[in-house]
Amino acid sequence: MRKGLSELREGLRRIRAELNEHFQDLDALPADDRFGKTMWRFVGEASDRLEDLVDQVTLAEATFNEVLRHYGEEDKTMTSTEFFGIFKTFVTSYKVRYSLTRGQIKYPDVFQIEMQG
């Protein structure tokens, strides 16, 4: 995720450099040439959105790490896909076992329910 954000930042940096090189003086452009103004506006809006995205990713990472610690999974190499896969398996198994002990399902149905996941 962070690599993708770095690539977006680098792309915006390159666009800004090109604009500085070719469209720094917008008043010198012909009146009907709106490309420079449009691109400067784009870079400004994209930069704001990218910073918002960085904040959201930082919050998501912090929350995910908090969840890992809460469930005793402090392995820094565990991905969210791995964790939530394990978590889904646990929740499914728990529901099946709970229903089994309450008599809501019969034992032969357990295998079929677990396969449906």
Protein backbone atom coordinates (compact mmCIF):
# COMPACT_ATOMS: atom_id res chain seq x y z
CA MET A 1 0.00 0.00 0.00
CA ARG A 2 2.77 2.41 0.94
CA LYS A 3 4.57 1.63 -2.32
CA GLY A 4 1.48 2.67 -4.29
CA LEU A 5 1.29 5.93 -2.34
CA SER A 6 4.95 6.59 -3.08
CA GLU A 7 4.33 6.02 -6.78
CA LEU A 8 1.41 8.45 -6.73
CA ARG A 9 3.52 11.07 -4.96
CA GLU A 10 6.32 10.60 -7.48
CA GLY A 11 3.87 10.94 -10.36
CA LEU A 12 2.51 14.19 -8.97
CA ARG A 13 6.05 15.45 -8.41
CA ARG A 14 6.92 14.76 -12.07
CA ILE A 15 3.74 16.47 -13.29
CA ARG A 16 4.49 19.48 -11.10
CA ALA A 17 8.06 19.63 -12.47
CA GLU A 18 6.75 19.53 -16.06
CA LEU A 19 4.25 22.26 -15.29
CA ASN A 20 6.97 24.40 -13.71
CA GLU A 21 9.09 23.92 -16.80
CA HIS A 22 6.44 24.55 -19.47
CA PHE A 23 3.52 26.36 -17.81
CA GLN A 24 4.98 28.44 -15.00
CA ASP A 25 3.81 31.76 -16.47
CA LEU A 26 0.13 31.16 -17.24
CA ASP A 27 -0.35 34.82 -18.28
CA ALA A 28 2.08 34.33 -21.19
CA LEU A 29 -0.11 31.60 -22.70
CA PRO A 30 -2.74 32.32 -25.34
CA ALA A 31 -6.15 33.11 -23.83
CA ASP A 32 -7.74 29.99 -25.30
CA ASP A 33 -5.02 27.67 -23.95
CA ARG A 34 -6.57 26.28 -20.79
CA PHE A 35 -4.31 23.23 -20.48
CA GLY A 36 -1.87 24.82 -18.02
CA LYS A 37 -4.58 26.22 -15.76
CA THR A 38 -6.46 22.93 -15.84
CA MET A 39 -3.37 20.90 -15.01
CA TRP A 40 -2.31 23.21 -12.17
CA ARG A 41 -5.79 22.87 -10.71
CA PHE A 42 -5.59 19.10 -11.14
CA VAL A 43 -2.23 18.90 -9.36
CA GLY A 44 -3.55 20.96 -6.46
CA GLU A 45 -6.68 18.86 -6.05
CA ALA A 46 -4.81 15.59 -6.53
CA SER A 47 -2.23 16.62 -3.92
CA ASP A 48 -4.98 17.37 -1.40
CA ARG A 49 -6.70 14.06 -2.11
CA LEU A 50 -3.44 12.15 -1.91
CA GLU A 51 -2.69 13.63 1.51
CA ASP A 52 -6.18 12.64 2.66
CA LEU A 53 -5.51 9.14 1.35
CA VAL A 54 -2.19 8.98 3.19
CA ASP A 55 -3.99 9.92 6.41
CA GLN A 56 -6.61 7.22 5.81
CA VAL A 57 -3.96 4.57 5.08
CA THR A 58 -2.05 5.55 8.22
CA LEU A 59 -5.25 5.23 10.28
CA ALA A 60 -6.09 1.87 8.66
CA GLU A 61 -2.60 0.52 9.38
CA ALA A 62 -2.75 1.69 13.00
CA THR A 63 -6.19 0.15 13.46
CA PHE A 64 -5.10 -3.12 11.84
CA ASN A 65 -2.03 -3.30 14.10
CA GLU A 66 -4.27 -2.64 17.09
CA VAL A 67 -6.53 -5.51 16.05
CA LEU A 68 -3.50 -7.79 15.64
CA ARG A 69 -2.31 -6.93 19.14
CA HIS A 70 -5.81 -7.43 20.56
CA TYR A 71 -6.00 -10.95 19.15
CA GLY A 72 -2.40 -11.76 20.07
CA GLU A 73 -1.12 -11.79 16.50
CA GLU A 74 1.81 -9.42 16.77
CA ASP A 75 3.64 -10.91 13.79
CA LYS A 76 4.66 -7.93 11.64
CA THR A 77 4.76 -10.12 8.54
CA MET A 78 1.09 -11.11 8.72
CA THR A 79 -0.94 -9.44 6.01
CA SER A 80 -4.50 -8.27 6.41
CA THR A 81 -5.57 -10.95 3.91
CA GLU A 82 -4.01 -13.68 6.05
CA PHE A 83 -5.41 -12.29 9.29
CA PHE A 84 -8.96 -11.82 8.06
CA GLY A 85 -8.88 -15.25 6.39
CA ILE A 86 -8.01 -16.80 9.74
CA PHE A 87 -10.59 -14.62 11.49
CA LYS A 88 -13.33 -15.63 9.03
CA THR A 89 -12.51 -19.31 9.54
CA PHE A 90 -12.68 -18.83 13.31
CA VAL A 91 -16.02 -17.00 13.20
CA THR A 92 -17.54 -19.60 10.86
CA SER A 93 -16.33 -22.48 13.03
CA TYR A 94 -17.55 -20.75 16.17
CA LYS A 95 -21.05 -20.22 14.72
CA VAL A 96 -21.25 -23.86 13.62
CA ARG A 97 -20.10 -25.20 16.99
CA TYR A 98 -22.41 -22.84 18.86
CA SER A 99 -25.38 -23.93 16.74
CA LEU A 100 -24.38 -27.57 17.21
CA THR A 101 -24.26 -27.29 21.00
CA ARG A 102 -27.60 -25.48 21.09
CA GLY A 103 -29.17 -28.23 19.00
CA GLN A 104 -29.97 -25.88 16.13
CA ILE A 105 -28.13 -28.09 13.65
CA LYS A 106 -27.32 -31.80 13.56
CA TYR A 107 -23.77 -33.13 13.50
CA PRO A 108 -23.92 -34.56 9.93
CA ASP A 109 -24.70 -31.06 8.65
CA VAL A 110 -21.53 -29.57 10.19
CA PHE A 111 -19.21 -30.71 7.41
CA GLN A 112 -21.50 -29.29 4.71
CA ILE A 113 -21.83 -25.95 6.53
CA GLU A 114 -18.07 -25.66 7.06
CA MET A 115 -17.41 -26.37 3.38
CA GLN A 116 -19.75 -23.50 2.43
CA GLY A 117 -17.73 -21.28 4.79
